[in-house]
Amino acid sequence: MQKKVLIGLLALFSFVACNTRQDNQQEDAVIVKDEVERTGDELKIVAIITVKPEQIRDMLPLFQEIVQGSQEEDGCISYNLHQDIKDSTKFIMLEEWKSQDAINYHNNTDHFKSFKAASKDMVEKSEVSVMKLIY
Protein backbone atom coordinates (compact mmCIF):
# COMPACT_ATOMS: atom_id res chain seq x y z
CA MET A 1 0.00 0.00 0.00
CA GLN A 2 2.78 2.46 0.92
CA LYS A 3 4.55 1.63 -2.32
CA LYS A 4 1.42 2.54 -4.36
CA VAL A 5 1.02 5.84 -2.49
CA LEU A 6 4.68 6.67 -3.03
CA ILE A 7 4.43 5.88 -6.76
CA GLY A 8 1.27 8.02 -7.01
CA LEU A 9 2.96 10.97 -5.30
CA LEU A 10 6.02 10.67 -7.54
CA ALA A 11 3.77 10.64 -10.60
CA LEU A 12 1.93 13.74 -9.34
CA PHE A 13 5.18 15.61 -8.67
CA SER A 14 6.48 14.66 -12.12
CA PHE A 15 3.29 15.93 -13.75
CA VAL A 16 3.46 19.24 -11.88
CA ALA A 17 7.16 19.68 -12.66
CA CYS A 18 6.62 19.01 -16.37
CA ASN A 19 3.72 21.43 -16.58
CA THR A 20 5.29 24.33 -14.71
CA ARG A 21 6.25 27.24 -16.96
CA GLN A 22 9.81 28.58 -16.96
CA ASP A 23 10.53 31.90 -15.27
CA ASN A 24 9.62 35.00 -17.31
CA GLN A 25 7.07 33.19 -19.50
CA GLN A 26 3.66 34.79 -19.73
CA GLU A 27 0.48 32.73 -19.63
CA ASP A 28 -0.86 34.21 -22.89
CA ALA A 29 2.34 35.25 -24.61
CA VAL A 30 1.18 35.25 -28.24
CA ILE A 31 0.14 38.72 -29.34
CA VAL A 32 -1.50 39.50 -32.67
CA LYS A 33 -3.01 42.93 -33.23
CA ASP A 34 -6.73 42.82 -34.04
CA GLU A 35 -8.29 44.30 -37.14
CA VAL A 36 -5.19 44.65 -39.29
CA GLU A 37 -6.07 46.16 -42.65
CA ARG A 38 -4.29 44.02 -45.24
CA THR A 39 -2.62 45.84 -48.13
CA GLY A 40 -0.52 43.07 -49.66
CA ASP A 41 2.67 44.79 -48.45
CA GLU A 42 2.81 42.70 -45.26
CA LEU A 43 5.96 40.67 -44.67
CA LYS A 44 6.76 37.84 -42.28
CA ILE A 45 10.10 37.16 -40.69
CA VAL A 46 11.34 33.87 -39.27
CA ALA A 47 14.48 34.41 -37.21
CA ILE A 48 16.12 31.24 -35.90
CA ILE A 49 18.53 32.06 -33.09
CA THR A 50 20.73 29.37 -31.57
CA VAL A 51 21.93 30.43 -28.13
CA LYS A 52 25.04 29.09 -26.44
CA PRO A 53 23.77 26.53 -23.88
CA GLU A 54 25.34 28.29 -20.91
CA GLN A 55 23.75 31.60 -21.98
CA ILE A 56 20.07 30.58 -22.22
CA ARG A 57 19.11 31.93 -18.80
CA ASP A 58 20.81 35.27 -19.53
CA MET A 59 19.14 35.54 -22.95
CA LEU A 60 15.58 35.18 -21.69
CA PRO A 61 15.30 38.73 -20.27
CA LEU A 62 16.83 40.11 -23.48
CA PHE A 63 14.27 38.19 -25.53
CA GLN A 64 11.48 39.48 -23.31
CA GLU A 65 12.58 43.10 -23.82
CA ILE A 66 12.84 42.82 -27.61
CA VAL A 67 9.44 41.13 -27.86
CA GLN A 68 7.70 43.71 -25.67
CA GLY A 69 9.32 46.68 -27.42
CA SER A 70 8.59 45.30 -30.87
CA GLN A 71 4.95 44.48 -30.13
CA GLU A 72 4.41 48.14 -29.25
CA GLU A 73 5.62 49.40 -32.64
CA ASP A 74 2.95 50.76 -35.00
CA GLY A 75 4.17 48.68 -37.94
CA CYS A 76 4.14 45.42 -36.01
CA ILE A 77 1.27 43.00 -36.60
CA SER A 78 2.73 40.21 -34.45
CA TYR A 79 6.06 39.43 -32.83
CA ASN A 80 6.42 36.31 -30.71
CA LEU A 81 9.23 34.09 -29.44
CA HIS A 82 9.13 30.29 -29.50
CA GLN A 83 11.55 27.69 -28.17
CA ASP A 84 12.21 24.40 -29.92
CA ILE A 85 10.96 21.55 -27.72
CA LYS A 86 13.71 19.19 -28.89
CA ASP A 87 16.59 21.68 -28.77
CA SER A 88 16.37 24.16 -25.90
CA THR A 89 19.15 26.29 -27.43
CA LYS A 90 17.05 27.05 -30.52
CA PHE A 91 14.66 30.01 -30.40
CA ILE A 92 12.38 31.04 -33.24
CA MET A 93 11.08 34.58 -33.54
CA LEU A 94 7.94 34.72 -35.71
CA GLU A 95 7.19 38.25 -36.82
CA GLU A 96 4.69 39.94 -39.09
CA TRP A 97 5.10 43.52 -40.24
CA LYS A 98 2.87 45.88 -42.22
CA SER A 99 5.62 46.66 -44.75
CA GLN A 100 9.33 46.77 -45.49
CA ASP A 101 9.31 50.33 -44.15
CA ALA A 102 8.03 48.98 -40.81
CA ILE A 103 10.89 46.45 -40.73
CA ASN A 104 13.41 49.17 -41.56
CA TYR A 105 12.04 51.31 -38.73
CA HIS A 106 12.17 48.32 -36.35
CA ASN A 107 15.80 47.59 -37.24
CA ASN A 108 16.71 51.13 -36.18
CA THR A 109 14.86 51.23 -32.84
CA ASP A 110 16.78 51.50 -29.59
CA HIS A 111 15.34 48.23 -28.26
CA PHE A 112 16.44 46.32 -31.39
CA LYS A 113 19.94 47.83 -31.36
CA SER A 114 20.26 47.14 -27.62
CA PHE A 115 19.17 43.52 -28.12
CA LYS A 116 21.74 42.99 -30.90
CA ALA A 117 24.57 44.50 -28.87
CA ALA A 118 23.72 42.71 -25.60
CA SER A 119 23.16 39.30 -27.20
CA LYS A 120 26.03 39.17 -29.71
CA ASP A 121 28.34 37.06 -27.51
CA MET A 122 25.52 34.79 -26.35
CA VAL A 123 24.37 33.71 -29.80
CA GLU A 124 26.03 30.77 -31.52
CA LYS A 125 24.33 31.42 -34.85
CA SER A 126 21.27 33.09 -36.34
CA GLU A 127 19.36 32.82 -39.59
CA VAL A 128 16.74 35.30 -40.76
CA SER A 129 14.26 34.80 -43.58
CA VAL A 130 11.91 37.54 -44.82
CA MET A 131 8.87 36.26 -46.68
CA LYS A 132 5.76 37.48 -48.41
CA LEU A 133 2.43 35.68 -48.68
CA ILE A 134 1.85 33.94 -52.00
CA TYR A 135 -1.39 31.99 -51.41
C-alpha atoms as a PDB file:
ATOM      1  CA  MET A   1       0.000   0.000   0.000  1.00  0.00           C
ATOM      2  CA  GLN A   2       2.776   2.460   0.918  1.00  0.00           C
ATOM      3  CA  LYS A   3       4.553   1.629  -2.321  1.00  0.00           C
ATOM      4  CA  LYS A   4       1.420   2.536  -4.360  1.00  0.00           C
ATOM      5  CA  VAL A   5       1.022   5.841  -2.489  1.00  0.00           C
ATOM      6  CA  LEU A   6       4.684   6.669  -3.031  1.00  0.00           C
ATOM      7  CA  ILE A   7       4.427   5.882  -6.764  1.00  0.00           C
ATOM      8  CA  GLY A   8       1.272   8.015  -7.012  1.00  0.00           C
ATOM      9  CA  LEU A   9       2.963  10.966  -5.296  1.00  0.00           C
ATOM     10  CA  LEU A  10       6.018  10.673  -7.537  1.00  0.00           C
ATOM     11  CA  ALA A  11       3.769  10.639 -10.604  1.00  0.00           C
ATOM     12  CA  LEU A  12       1.927  13.738  -9.337  1.00  0.00           C
ATOM     13  CA  PHE A  13       5.183  15.612  -8.666  1.00  0.00           C
ATOM     14  CA  SER A  14       6.484  14.664 -12.118  1.00  0.00           C
ATOM     15  CA  PHE A  15       3.288  15.933 -13.751  1.00  0.00           C
ATOM     16  CA  VAL A  16       3.462  19.243 -11.877  1.00  0.00           C
ATOM     17  CA  ALA A  17       7.164  19.682 -12.663  1.00  0.00           C
ATOM     18  CA  CYS A  18       6.624  19.006 -16.370  1.00  0.00           C
ATOM     19  CA  ASN A  19       3.715  21.429 -16.583  1.00  0.00           C
ATOM     20  CA  THR A  20       5.295  24.325 -14.711  1.00  0.00           C
ATOM     21  CA  ARG A  21       6.255  27.238 -16.961  1.00  0.00           C
ATOM     22  CA  GLN A  22       9.809  28.576 -16.957  1.00  0.00           C
ATOM     23  CA  ASP A  23      10.534  31.904 -15.266  1.00  0.00           C
ATOM     24  CA  ASN A  24       9.621  34.996 -17.314  1.00  0.00           C
ATOM     25  CA  GLN A  25       7.065  33.194 -19.501  1.00  0.00           C
ATOM     26  CA  GLN A  26       3.658  34.794 -19.732  1.00  0.00           C
ATOM     27  CA  GLU A  27       0.477  32.727 -19.633  1.00  0.00           C
ATOM     28  CA  ASP A  28      -0.861  34.208 -22.886  1.00  0.00           C
ATOM     29  CA  ALA A  29       2.343  35.254 -24.612  1.00  0.00           C
ATOM     30  CA  VAL A  30       1.181  35.248 -28.236  1.00  0.00           C
ATOM     31  CA  ILE A  31       0.142  38.719 -29.338  1.00  0.00           C
ATOM     32  CA  VAL A  32      -1.503  39.496 -32.675  1.00  0.00           C
ATOM     33  CA  LYS A  33      -3.013  42.928 -33.227  1.00  0.00           C
ATOM     34  CA  ASP A  34      -6.727  42.821 -34.038  1.00  0.00           C
ATOM     35  CA  GLU A  35      -8.289  44.299 -37.142  1.00  0.00           C
ATOM     36  CA  VAL A  36      -5.189  44.654 -39.294  1.00  0.00           C
ATOM     37  CA  GLU A  37      -6.066  46.161 -42.651  1.00  0.00           C
ATOM     38  CA  ARG A  38      -4.290  44.018 -45.240  1.00  0.00           C
ATOM     39  CA  THR A  39      -2.624  45.839 -48.132  1.00  0.00           C
ATOM     40  CA  GLY A  40      -0.515  43.074 -49.662  1.00  0.00           C
ATOM     41  CA  ASP A  41       2.666  44.788 -48.454  1.00  0.00           C
ATOM     42  CA  GLU A  42       2.814  42.700 -45.255  1.00  0.00           C
ATOM     43  CA  LEU A  43       5.963  40.665 -44.670  1.00  0.00           C
ATOM     44  CA  LYS A  44       6.760  37.838 -42.280  1.00  0.00           C
ATOM     45  CA  ILE A  45      10.103  37.156 -40.688  1.00  0.00           C
ATOM     46  CA  VAL A  46      11.339  33.872 -39.273  1.00  0.00           C
ATOM     47  CA  ALA A  47      14.475  34.415 -37.209  1.00  0.00           C
ATOM     48  CA  ILE A  48      16.117  31.239 -35.895  1.00  0.00           C
ATOM     49  CA  ILE A  49      18.527  32.061 -33.093  1.00  0.00           C
ATOM     50  CA  THR A  50      20.731  29.374 -31.571  1.00  0.00           C
ATOM     51  CA  VAL A  51      21.932  30.434 -28.129  1.00  0.00           C
ATOM     52  CA  LYS A  52      25.041  29.087 -26.443  1.00  0.00           C
ATOM     53  CA  PRO A  53      23.766  26.528 -23.883  1.00  0.00           C
ATOM     54  CA  GLU A  54      25.344  28.291 -20.913  1.00  0.00           C
ATOM     55  CA  GLN A  55      23.746  31.596 -21.981  1.00  0.00           C
ATOM     56  CA  ILE A  56      20.071  30.583 -22.222  1.00  0.00           C
ATOM     57  CA  ARG A  57      19.111  31.935 -18.798  1.00  0.00           C
ATOM     58  CA  ASP A  58      20.813  35.266 -19.530  1.00  0.00           C
ATOM     59  CA  MET A  59      19.142  35.545 -22.947  1.00  0.00           C
ATOM     60  CA  LEU A  60      15.584  35.176 -21.689  1.00  0.00           C
ATOM     61  CA  PRO A  61      15.298  38.729 -20.268  1.00  0.00           C
ATOM     62  CA  LEU A  62      16.827  40.115 -23.481  1.00  0.00           C
ATOM     63  CA  PHE A  63      14.269  38.191 -25.533  1.00  0.00           C
ATOM     64  CA  GLN A  64      11.480  39.481 -23.309  1.00  0.00           C
ATOM     65  CA  GLU A  65      12.581  43.104 -23.820  1.00  0.00           C
ATOM     66  CA  ILE A  66      12.843  42.818 -27.609  1.00  0.00           C
ATOM     67  CA  VAL A  67       9.439  41.127 -27.855  1.00  0.00           C
ATOM     68  CA  GLN A  68       7.696  43.714 -25.673  1.00  0.00           C
ATOM     69  CA  GLY A  69       9.318  46.675 -27.416  1.00  0.00           C
ATOM     70  CA  SER A  70       8.592  45.300 -30.873  1.00  0.00           C
ATOM     71  CA  GLN A  71       4.951  44.477 -30.126  1.00  0.00           C
ATOM     72  CA  GLU A  72       4.414  48.143 -29.250  1.00  0.00           C
ATOM     73  CA  GLU A  73       5.620  49.398 -32.643  1.00  0.00           C
ATOM     74  CA  ASP A  74       2.947  50.756 -35.000  1.00  0.00           C
ATOM     75  CA  GLY A  75       4.167  48.683 -37.943  1.00  0.00           C
ATOM     76  CA  CYS A  76       4.142  45.419 -36.006  1.00  0.00           C
ATOM     77  CA  ILE A  77       1.273  42.999 -36.604  1.00  0.00           C
ATOM     78  CA  SER A  78       2.726  40.214 -34.454  1.00  0.00           C
ATOM     79  CA  TYR A  79       6.060  39.433 -32.826  1.00  0.00           C
ATOM     80  CA  ASN A  80       6.424  36.313 -30.711  1.00  0.00           C
ATOM     81  CA  LEU A  81       9.225  34.090 -29.442  1.00  0.00           C
ATOM     82  CA  HIS A  82       9.130  30.294 -29.497  1.00  0.00           C
ATOM     83  CA  GLN A  83      11.553  27.693 -28.166  1.00  0.00           C
ATOM     84  CA  ASP A  84      12.212  24.399 -29.923  1.00  0.00           C
ATOM     85  CA  ILE A  85      10.960  21.548 -27.718  1.00  0.00           C
ATOM     86  CA  LYS A  86      13.713  19.188 -28.893  1.00  0.00           C
ATOM     87  CA  ASP A  87      16.594  21.679 -28.768  1.00  0.00           C
ATOM     88  CA  SER A  88      16.374  24.160 -25.898  1.00  0.00           C
ATOM     89  CA  THR A  89      19.149  26.289 -27.426  1.00  0.00           C
ATOM     90  CA  LYS A  90      17.055  27.050 -30.520  1.00  0.00           C
ATOM     91  CA  PHE A  91      14.657  30.006 -30.396  1.00  0.00           C
ATOM     92  CA  ILE A  92      12.384  31.041 -33.237  1.00  0.00           C
ATOM     93  CA  MET A  93      11.076  34.577 -33.539  1.00  0.00           C
ATOM     94  CA  LEU A  94       7.939  34.719 -35.706  1.00  0.00           C
ATOM     95  CA  GLU A  95       7.188  38.247 -36.817  1.00  0.00           C
ATOM     96  CA  GLU A  96       4.688  39.937 -39.093  1.00  0.00           C
ATOM     97  CA  TRP A  97       5.105  43.523 -40.245  1.00  0.00           C
ATOM     98  CA  LYS A  98       2.872  45.882 -42.216  1.00  0.00           C
ATOM     99  CA  SER A  99       5.622  46.663 -44.754  1.00  0.00           C
ATOM    100  CA  GLN A 100       9.332  46.765 -45.488  1.00  0.00           C
ATOM    101  CA  ASP A 101       9.313  50.327 -44.154  1.00  0.00           C
ATOM    102  CA  ALA A 102       8.029  48.976 -40.814  1.00  0.00           C
ATOM    103  CA  ILE A 103      10.892  46.450 -40.733  1.00  0.00           C
ATOM    104  CA  ASN A 104      13.411  49.171 -41.564  1.00  0.00           C
ATOM    105  CA  TYR A 105      12.037  51.310 -38.735  1.00  0.00           C
ATOM    106  CA  HIS A 106      12.172  48.318 -36.350  1.00  0.00           C
ATOM    107  CA  ASN A 107      15.802  47.591 -37.237  1.00  0.00           C
ATOM    108  CA  ASN A 108      16.714  51.131 -36.180  1.00  0.00           C
ATOM    109  CA  THR A 109      14.865  51.230 -32.843  1.00  0.00           C
ATOM    110  CA  ASP A 110      16.783  51.500 -29.593  1.00  0.00           C
ATOM    111  CA  HIS A 111      15.341  48.226 -28.261  1.00  0.00           C
ATOM    112  CA  PHE A 112      16.444  46.317 -31.386  1.00  0.00           C
ATOM    113  CA  LYS A 113      19.943  47.829 -31.364  1.00  0.00           C
ATOM    114  CA  SER A 114      20.265  47.135 -27.618  1.00  0.00           C
ATOM    115  CA  PHE A 115      19.174  43.522 -28.125  1.00  0.00           C
ATOM    116  CA  LYS A 116      21.737  42.987 -30.901  1.00  0.00           C
ATOM    117  CA  ALA A 117      24.572  44.499 -28.866  1.00  0.00           C
ATOM    118  CA  ALA A 118      23.720  42.710 -25.597  1.00  0.00           C
ATOM    119  CA  SER A 119      23.164  39.301 -27.200  1.00  0.00           C
ATOM    120  CA  LYS A 120      26.032  39.168 -29.713  1.00  0.00           C
ATOM    121  CA  ASP A 121      28.344  37.065 -27.511  1.00  0.00           C
ATOM    122  CA  MET A 122      25.518  34.787 -26.349  1.00  0.00           C
ATOM    123  CA  VAL A 123      24.374  33.710 -29.800  1.00  0.00           C
ATOM    124  CA  GLU A 124      26.027  30.768 -31.519  1.00  0.00           C
ATOM    125  CA  LYS A 125      24.326  31.419 -34.855  1.00  0.00           C
ATOM    126  CA  SER A 126      21.275  33.091 -36.344  1.00  0.00           C
ATOM    127  CA  GLU A 127      19.360  32.818 -39.590  1.00  0.00           C
ATOM    128  CA  VAL A 128      16.738  35.298 -40.758  1.00  0.00           C
ATOM    129  CA  SER A 129      14.260  34.805 -43.578  1.00  0.00           C
ATOM    130  CA  VAL A 130      11.914  37.542 -44.815  1.00  0.00           C
ATOM    131  CA  MET A 131       8.866  36.257 -46.675  1.00  0.00           C
ATOM    132  CA  LYS A 132       5.760  37.478 -48.414  1.00  0.00           C
ATOM    133  CA  LEU A 133       2.434  35.679 -48.675  1.00  0.00           C
ATOM    134  CA  ILE A 134       1.847  33.940 -51.998  1.00  0.00           C
ATOM    135  CA  TYR A 135      -1.389  31.994 -51.410  1.00  0.00           C
END
